[in-house]
Amino acid sequence: DAQASLQAVFDNCEAAPSCKAAFPTLAADF
């Protein structure tokens, strides 16, 4: 459940243009 919640943060960031542009490698960085 915790992992799914974190993955949702990654997915929502990917879907938000400003977040995706600022953090393009978020999942890999984490």
Full PDB file with SEQRES, HELIX, SHEET, SSBOND, CRYST1, ORIGX, SCALE, CONECT and MASTER records, all heavy atoms in Angstrom:
SEQRES   1 A   30  ASP ALA GLN ALA SER LEU GLN ALA VAL PHE ASP ASN CYS          
SEQRES   2 A   30  GLU ALA ALA PRO SER CYS LYS ALA ALA PHE PRO THR LEU          
SEQRES   3 A   30  ALA ALA ASP PHE                                              
HELIX    1 AA1 ALA A    2  ALA A   15  1                                  14    
HELIX    2 AA2 PRO A   17  ALA A   22  1                                   6    
HELIX    3 AA3 LEU A   26  ASP A   29  1                                   4    
SSBOND   1 CYS A   13    CYS A   19                          1555   1555  1.98  
CRYST1    1.000    1.000    1.000  90.00  90.00  90.00 P 1           1          
ORIGX1      1.000000  0.000000  0.000000        0.00000                         
ORIGX2      0.000000  1.000000  0.000000        0.00000                         
ORIGX3      0.000000  0.000000  1.000000        0.00000                         
SCALE1      1.000000  0.000000  0.000000        0.00000                         
SCALE2      0.000000  1.000000  0.000000        0.00000                         
SCALE3      0.000000  0.000000  1.000000        0.00000                         
ATOM      1  N   ASP A   1       0.830  -1.208   0.000  1.00  0.00           N  
ATOM      2  CA  ASP A   1       0.000   0.000   0.000  1.00  0.00           C  
ATOM      3  C   ASP A   1       0.865   1.259   0.000  1.00  0.00           C  
ATOM      4  O   ASP A   1       0.568   2.234  -0.698  1.00  0.00           O  
ATOM      5  CB  ASP A   1      -0.923   0.013   1.209  1.00  0.00           C  
ATOM      6  CG  ASP A   1      -2.057  -0.993   1.089  1.00  0.00           C  
ATOM      7  OD1 ASP A   1      -2.291  -1.481  -0.030  1.00  0.00           O  
ATOM      8  OD2 ASP A   1      -2.704  -1.294   2.109  1.00  0.00           O  
ATOM      9  N   ALA A   2       1.924   1.256   0.800  1.00  0.00           N  
ATOM     10  CA  ALA A   2       2.820   2.414   0.839  1.00  0.00           C  
ATOM     11  C   ALA A   2       3.524   2.596  -0.500  1.00  0.00           C  
ATOM     12  O   ALA A   2       3.676   3.718  -0.994  1.00  0.00           O  
ATOM     13  CB  ALA A   2       3.844   2.253   1.960  1.00  0.00           C  
ATOM     14  N   GLN A   3       3.948   1.493  -1.107  1.00  0.00           N  
ATOM     15  CA  GLN A   3       4.619   1.566  -2.402  1.00  0.00           C  
ATOM     16  C   GLN A   3       3.669   2.081  -3.475  1.00  0.00           C  
ATOM     17  O   GLN A   3       4.054   2.874  -4.333  1.00  0.00           O  
ATOM     18  CB  GLN A   3       5.162   0.193  -2.796  1.00  0.00           C  
ATOM     19  CG  GLN A   3       6.000   0.178  -4.067  1.00  0.00           C  
ATOM     20  CD  GLN A   3       7.259   1.021  -3.936  1.00  0.00           C  
ATOM     21  OE1 GLN A   3       7.931   0.979  -2.906  1.00  0.00           O  
ATOM     22  NE2 GLN A   3       7.592   1.770  -4.970  1.00  0.00           N  
ATOM     23  N   ALA A   4       2.418   1.638  -3.430  1.00  0.00           N  
ATOM     24  CA  ALA A   4       1.425   2.101  -4.407  1.00  0.00           C  
ATOM     25  C   ALA A   4       1.181   3.593  -4.247  1.00  0.00           C  
ATOM     26  O   ALA A   4       1.008   4.319  -5.243  1.00  0.00           O  
ATOM     27  CB  ALA A   4       0.117   1.333  -4.235  1.00  0.00           C  
ATOM     28  N   SER A   5       1.161   4.081  -3.009  1.00  0.00           N  
ATOM     29  CA  SER A   5       0.965   5.503  -2.765  1.00  0.00           C  
ATOM     30  C   SER A   5       2.140   6.314  -3.310  1.00  0.00           C  
ATOM     31  O   SER A   5       1.947   7.374  -3.924  1.00  0.00           O  
ATOM     32  CB  SER A   5       0.801   5.754  -1.267  1.00  0.00           C  
ATOM     33  OG  SER A   5       0.568   7.113  -0.992  1.00  0.00           O  
ATOM     34  N   LEU A   6       3.348   5.808  -3.117  1.00  0.00           N  
ATOM     35  CA  LEU A   6       4.522   6.496  -3.651  1.00  0.00           C  
ATOM     36  C   LEU A   6       4.518   6.478  -5.177  1.00  0.00           C  
ATOM     37  O   LEU A   6       4.840   7.486  -5.824  1.00  0.00           O  
ATOM     38  CB  LEU A   6       5.799   5.843  -3.127  1.00  0.00           C  
ATOM     39  CG  LEU A   6       7.108   6.470  -3.600  1.00  0.00           C  
ATOM     40  CD1 LEU A   6       7.233   7.924  -3.146  1.00  0.00           C  
ATOM     41  CD2 LEU A   6       8.306   5.653  -3.100  1.00  0.00           C  
ATOM     42  N   GLN A   7       4.129   5.345  -5.751  1.00  0.00           N  
ATOM     43  CA  GLN A   7       4.065   5.263  -7.205  1.00  0.00           C  
ATOM     44  C   GLN A   7       3.043   6.251  -7.758  1.00  0.00           C  
ATOM     45  O   GLN A   7       3.247   6.822  -8.842  1.00  0.00           O  
ATOM     46  CB  GLN A   7       3.693   3.838  -7.633  1.00  0.00           C  
ATOM     47  CG  GLN A   7       3.706   3.615  -9.142  1.00  0.00           C  
ATOM     48  CD  GLN A   7       5.068   3.876  -9.765  1.00  0.00           C  
ATOM     49  OE1 GLN A   7       6.084   3.376  -9.291  1.00  0.00           O  
ATOM     50  NE2 GLN A   7       5.102   4.669 -10.838  1.00  0.00           N  
ATOM     51  N   ALA A   8       1.963   6.490  -7.029  1.00  0.00           N  
ATOM     52  CA  ALA A   8       0.971   7.466  -7.450  1.00  0.00           C  
ATOM     53  C   ALA A   8       1.571   8.864  -7.501  1.00  0.00           C  
ATOM     54  O   ALA A   8       1.230   9.667  -8.382  1.00  0.00           O  
ATOM     55  CB  ALA A   8      -0.238   7.439  -6.519  1.00  0.00           C  
ATOM     56  N   VAL A   9       2.476   9.175  -6.566  1.00  0.00           N  
ATOM     57  CA  VAL A   9       3.166  10.463  -6.602  1.00  0.00           C  
ATOM     58  C   VAL A   9       3.988  10.572  -7.881  1.00  0.00           C  
ATOM     59  O   VAL A   9       3.962  11.601  -8.577  1.00  0.00           O  
ATOM     60  CB  VAL A   9       4.077  10.629  -5.371  1.00  0.00           C  
ATOM     61  CG1 VAL A   9       4.928  11.896  -5.498  1.00  0.00           C  
ATOM     62  CG2 VAL A   9       3.247  10.698  -4.105  1.00  0.00           C  
ATOM     63  N   PHE A  10       4.717   9.514  -8.206  1.00  0.00           N  
ATOM     64  CA  PHE A  10       5.505   9.510  -9.433  1.00  0.00           C  
ATOM     65  C   PHE A  10       4.610   9.688 -10.663  1.00  0.00           C  
ATOM     66  O   PHE A  10       4.928  10.474 -11.567  1.00  0.00           O  
ATOM     67  CB  PHE A  10       6.284   8.196  -9.570  1.00  0.00           C  
ATOM     68  CG  PHE A  10       7.298   7.952  -8.482  1.00  0.00           C  
ATOM     69  CD1 PHE A  10       7.736   6.665  -8.203  1.00  0.00           C  
ATOM     70  CD2 PHE A  10       7.809   8.992  -7.727  1.00  0.00           C  
ATOM     71  CE1 PHE A  10       8.674   6.431  -7.214  1.00  0.00           C  
ATOM     72  CE2 PHE A  10       8.738   8.781  -6.728  1.00  0.00           C  
ATOM     73  CZ  PHE A  10       9.174   7.488  -6.472  1.00  0.00           C  
ATOM     74  N   ASP A  11       3.503   8.955 -10.702  1.00  0.00           N  
ATOM     75  CA  ASP A  11       2.607   9.006 -11.861  1.00  0.00           C  
ATOM     76  C   ASP A  11       1.949  10.376 -11.985  1.00  0.00           C  
ATOM     77  O   ASP A  11       1.836  10.922 -13.105  1.00  0.00           O  
ATOM     78  CB  ASP A  11       1.520   7.931 -11.738  1.00  0.00           C  
ATOM     79  CG  ASP A  11       2.085   6.522 -11.828  1.00  0.00           C  
ATOM     80  OD1 ASP A  11       3.224   6.363 -12.314  1.00  0.00           O  
ATOM     81  OD2 ASP A  11       1.386   5.579 -11.401  1.00  0.00           O  
ATOM     82  N   ASN A  12       1.514  10.949 -10.867  1.00  0.00           N  
ATOM     83  CA  ASN A  12       0.871  12.264 -10.909  1.00  0.00           C  
ATOM     84  C   ASN A  12       1.863  13.350 -11.300  1.00  0.00           C  
ATOM     85  O   ASN A  12       1.493  14.318 -11.984  1.00  0.00           O  
ATOM     86  CB  ASN A  12       0.244  12.589  -9.554  1.00  0.00           C  
ATOM     87  CG  ASN A  12      -0.994  11.763  -9.260  1.00  0.00           C  
ATOM     88  OD1 ASN A  12      -1.685  11.321 -10.176  1.00  0.00           O  
ATOM     89  ND2 ASN A  12      -1.280  11.531  -7.990  1.00  0.00           N  
ATOM     90  N   CYS A  13       3.108  13.207 -10.876  1.00  0.00           N  
ATOM     91  CA  CYS A  13       4.136  14.163 -11.287  1.00  0.00           C  
ATOM     92  C   CYS A  13       4.382  14.056 -12.787  1.00  0.00           C  
ATOM     93  O   CYS A  13       4.518  15.068 -13.478  1.00  0.00           O  
ATOM     94  CB  CYS A  13       5.427  13.896 -10.512  1.00  0.00           C  
ATOM     95  SG  CYS A  13       6.792  15.022 -10.924  1.00  0.00           S  
ATOM     96  N   GLU A  14       4.407  12.832 -13.277  1.00  0.00           N  
ATOM     97  CA  GLU A  14       4.604  12.610 -14.717  1.00  0.00           C  
ATOM     98  C   GLU A  14       3.471  13.238 -15.527  1.00  0.00           C  
ATOM     99  O   GLU A  14       3.673  13.723 -16.647  1.00  0.00           O  
ATOM    100  CB  GLU A  14       4.666  11.107 -14.987  1.00  0.00           C  
ATOM    101  CG  GLU A  14       4.842  10.705 -16.432  1.00  0.00           C  
ATOM    102  CD  GLU A  14       6.254  10.908 -16.969  1.00  0.00           C  
ATOM    103  OE1 GLU A  14       7.173  11.114 -16.151  1.00  0.00           O  
ATOM    104  OE2 GLU A  14       6.435  10.856 -18.203  1.00  0.00           O  
ATOM    105  N   ALA A  15       2.262  13.241 -14.953  1.00  0.00           N  
ATOM    106  CA  ALA A  15       1.091  13.772 -15.660  1.00  0.00           C  
ATOM    107  C   ALA A  15       0.968  15.288 -15.554  1.00  0.00           C  
ATOM    108  O   ALA A  15       0.190  15.895 -16.304  1.00  0.00           O  
ATOM    109  CB  ALA A  15      -0.176  13.116 -15.130  1.00  0.00           C  
ATOM    110  N   ALA A  16       1.717  15.894 -14.630  1.00  0.00           N  
ATOM    111  CA  ALA A  16       1.671  17.354 -14.451  1.00  0.00           C  
ATOM    112  C   ALA A  16       2.841  17.974 -15.216  1.00  0.00           C  
ATOM    113  O   ALA A  16       4.002  17.729 -14.869  1.00  0.00           O  
ATOM    114  CB  ALA A  16       1.751  17.711 -12.978  1.00  0.00           C  
ATOM    115  N   PRO A  17       2.589  18.770 -16.244  1.00  0.00           N  
ATOM    116  CA  PRO A  17       3.673  19.297 -17.085  1.00  0.00           C  
ATOM    117  C   PRO A  17       4.788  19.992 -16.315  1.00  0.00           C  
ATOM    118  O   PRO A  17       5.973  19.747 -16.577  1.00  0.00           O  
ATOM    119  CB  PRO A  17       2.941  20.271 -18.018  1.00  0.00           C  
ATOM    120  CG  PRO A  17       1.553  19.730 -18.108  1.00  0.00           C  
ATOM    121  CD  PRO A  17       1.260  19.178 -16.744  1.00  0.00           C  
ATOM    122  N   SER A  18       4.435  20.829 -15.356  1.00  0.00           N  
ATOM    123  CA  SER A  18       5.474  21.562 -14.628  1.00  0.00           C  
ATOM    124  C   SER A  18       6.323  20.627 -13.777  1.00  0.00           C  
ATOM    125  O   SER A  18       7.542  20.803 -13.661  1.00  0.00           O  
ATOM    126  CB  SER A  18       4.843  22.650 -13.746  1.00  0.00           C  
ATOM    127  OG  SER A  18       3.961  22.077 -12.792  1.00  0.00           O  
ATOM    128  N   CYS A  19       5.689  19.616 -13.175  1.00  0.00           N  
ATOM    129  CA  CYS A  19       6.426  18.665 -12.354  1.00  0.00           C  
ATOM    130  C   CYS A  19       7.299  17.764 -13.225  1.00  0.00           C  
ATOM    131  O   CYS A  19       8.470  17.500 -12.899  1.00  0.00           O  
ATOM    132  CB  CYS A  19       5.444  17.814 -11.540  1.00  0.00           C  
ATOM    133  SG  CYS A  19       6.221  16.798 -10.261  1.00  0.00           S  
ATOM    134  N   LYS A  20       6.760  17.313 -14.324  1.00  0.00           N  
ATOM    135  CA  LYS A  20       7.529  16.461 -15.231  1.00  0.00           C  
ATOM    136  C   LYS A  20       8.744  17.195 -15.773  1.00  0.00           C  
ATOM    137  O   LYS A  20       9.843  16.630 -15.883  1.00  0.00           O  
ATOM    138  CB  LYS A  20       6.647  15.993 -16.383  1.00  0.00           C  
ATOM    139  CG  LYS A  20       7.364  15.085 -17.369  1.00  0.00           C  
ATOM    140  CD  LYS A  20       6.428  14.623 -18.476  1.00  0.00           C  
ATOM    141  CE  LYS A  20       7.156  13.698 -19.452  1.00  0.00           C  
ATOM    142  NZ  LYS A  20       6.252  13.218 -20.526  1.00  0.00           N  
ATOM    143  N   ALA A  21       8.573  18.468 -16.093  1.00  0.00           N  
ATOM    144  CA  ALA A  21       9.691  19.255 -16.622  1.00  0.00           C  
ATOM    145  C   ALA A  21      10.763  19.487 -15.561  1.00  0.00           C  
ATOM    146  O   ALA A  21      11.960  19.462 -15.853  1.00  0.00           O  
ATOM    147  CB  ALA A  21       9.176  20.589 -17.151  1.00  0.00           C  
ATOM    148  N   ALA A  22      10.334  19.688 -14.319  1.00  0.00           N  
ATOM    149  CA  ALA A  22      11.291  19.961 -13.244  1.00  0.00           C  
ATOM    150  C   ALA A  22      11.983  18.698 -12.750  1.00  0.00           C  
ATOM    151  O   ALA A  22      13.148  18.749 -12.345  1.00  0.00           O  
ATOM    152  CB  ALA A  22      10.567  20.648 -12.083  1.00  0.00           C  
ATOM    153  N   PHE A  23      11.266  17.567 -12.783  1.00  0.00           N  
ATOM    154  CA  PHE A  23      11.808  16.325 -12.225  1.00  0.00           C  
ATOM    155  C   PHE A  23      11.617  15.171 -13.219  1.00  0.00           C  
ATOM    156  O   PHE A  23      10.850  14.238 -12.965  1.00  0.00           O  
ATOM    157  CB  PHE A  23      11.117  16.006 -10.898  1.00  0.00           C  
ATOM    158  CG  PHE A  23      10.979  17.190  -9.985  1.00  0.00           C  
ATOM    159  CD1 PHE A  23       9.724  17.709  -9.670  1.00  0.00           C  
ATOM    160  CD2 PHE A  23      12.096  17.806  -9.440  1.00  0.00           C  
ATOM    161  CE1 PHE A  23       9.580  18.798  -8.819  1.00  0.00           C  
ATOM    162  CE2 PHE A  23      11.970  18.901  -8.600  1.00  0.00           C  
ATOM    163  CZ  PHE A  23      10.719  19.404  -8.294  1.00  0.00           C  
ATOM    164  N   PRO A  24      12.293  15.202 -14.351  1.00  0.00           N  
ATOM    165  CA  PRO A  24      12.057  14.212 -15.409  1.00  0.00           C  
ATOM    166  C   PRO A  24      12.503  12.794 -15.058  1.00  0.00           C  
ATOM    167  O   PRO A  24      12.067  11.838 -15.696  1.00  0.00           O  
ATOM    168  CB  PRO A  24      12.864  14.766 -16.590  1.00  0.00           C  
ATOM    169  CG  PRO A  24      13.950  15.581 -15.954  1.00  0.00           C  
ATOM    170  CD  PRO A  24      13.315  16.197 -14.740  1.00  0.00           C  
ATOM    171  N   THR A  25      13.388  12.646 -14.080  1.00  0.00           N  
ATOM    172  CA  THR A  25      13.888  11.309 -13.716  1.00  0.00           C  
ATOM    173  C   THR A  25      13.566  11.004 -12.254  1.00  0.00           C  
ATOM    174  O   THR A  25      14.379  10.411 -11.536  1.00  0.00           O  
ATOM    175  CB  THR A  25      15.402  11.220 -13.965  1.00  0.00           C  
ATOM    176  OG1 THR A  25      16.077  12.251 -13.199  1.00  0.00           O  
ATOM    177  CG2 THR A  25      15.722  11.397 -15.436  1.00  0.00           C  
ATOM    178  N   LEU A  26      12.391  11.378 -11.806  1.00  0.00           N  
ATOM    179  CA  LEU A  26      12.034  11.300 -10.392  1.00  0.00           C  
ATOM    180  C   LEU A  26      12.129   9.876  -9.835  1.00  0.00           C  
ATOM    181  O   LEU A  26      12.756   9.652  -8.795  1.00  0.00           O  
ATOM    182  CB  LEU A  26      10.615  11.843 -10.188  1.00  0.00           C  
ATOM    183  CG  LEU A  26      10.044  11.736  -8.766  1.00  0.00           C  
ATOM    184  CD1 LEU A  26      10.920  12.484  -7.779  1.00  0.00           C  
ATOM    185  CD2 LEU A  26       8.605  12.254  -8.742  1.00  0.00           C  
ATOM    186  N   ALA A  27      11.504   8.918 -10.492  1.00  0.00           N  
ATOM    187  CA  ALA A  27      11.492   7.547  -9.977  1.00  0.00           C  
ATOM    188  C   ALA A  27      12.905   6.981  -9.887  1.00  0.00           C  
ATOM    189  O   ALA A  27      13.266   6.333  -8.901  1.00  0.00           O  
ATOM    190  CB  ALA A  27      10.614   6.659 -10.852  1.00  0.00           C  
ATOM    191  N   ALA A  28      13.706   7.221 -10.911  1.00  0.00           N  
ATOM    192  CA  ALA A  28      15.084   6.733 -10.909  1.00  0.00           C  
ATOM    193  C   ALA A  28      15.907   7.433  -9.834  1.00  0.00           C  
ATOM    194  O   ALA A  28      16.742   6.807  -9.166  1.00  0.00           O  
ATOM    195  CB  ALA A  28      15.717   6.935 -12.286  1.00  0.00           C  
ATOM    196  N   ASP A  29      15.673   8.729  -9.662  1.00  0.00           N  
ATOM    197  CA  ASP A  29      16.391   9.481  -8.623  1.00  0.00           C  
ATOM    198  C   ASP A  29      16.047   8.946  -7.234  1.00  0.00           C  
ATOM    199  O   ASP A  29      16.922   8.833  -6.371  1.00  0.00           O  
ATOM    200  CB  ASP A  29      16.038  10.972  -8.703  1.00  0.00           C  
ATOM    201  CG  ASP A  29      16.639  11.646  -9.909  1.00  0.00           C  
ATOM    202  OD1 ASP A  29      17.557  11.060 -10.515  1.00  0.00           O  
ATOM    203  OD2 ASP A  29      16.180  12.748 -10.268  1.00  0.00           O  
ATOM    204  N   PHE A  30      14.776   8.632  -7.021  1.00  0.00           N  
ATOM    205  CA  PHE A  30      14.369   8.112  -5.716  1.00  0.00           C  
ATOM    206  C   PHE A  30      15.038   6.767  -5.440  1.00  0.00           C  
ATOM    207  O   PHE A  30      15.539   6.533  -4.329  1.00  0.00           O  
ATOM    208  CB  PHE A  30      12.855   7.949  -5.635  1.00  0.00           C  
ATOM    209  CG  PHE A  30      12.392   7.390  -4.322  1.00  0.00           C  
ATOM    210  CD1 PHE A  30      12.155   8.229  -3.250  1.00  0.00           C  
ATOM    211  CD2 PHE A  30      12.219   6.023  -4.148  1.00  0.00           C  
ATOM    212  CE1 PHE A  30      11.754   7.716  -2.016  1.00  0.00           C  
ATOM    213  CE2 PHE A  30      11.822   5.508  -2.926  1.00  0.00           C  
ATOM    214  CZ  PHE A  30      11.591   6.359  -1.861  1.00  0.00           C  
TER     215      PHE A  30                                                      
CONECT   95  133                                                                
CONECT  133   95                                                                
MASTER        0    0    0    3    0    0    0    6  214    1    2    3          
END                                                                             
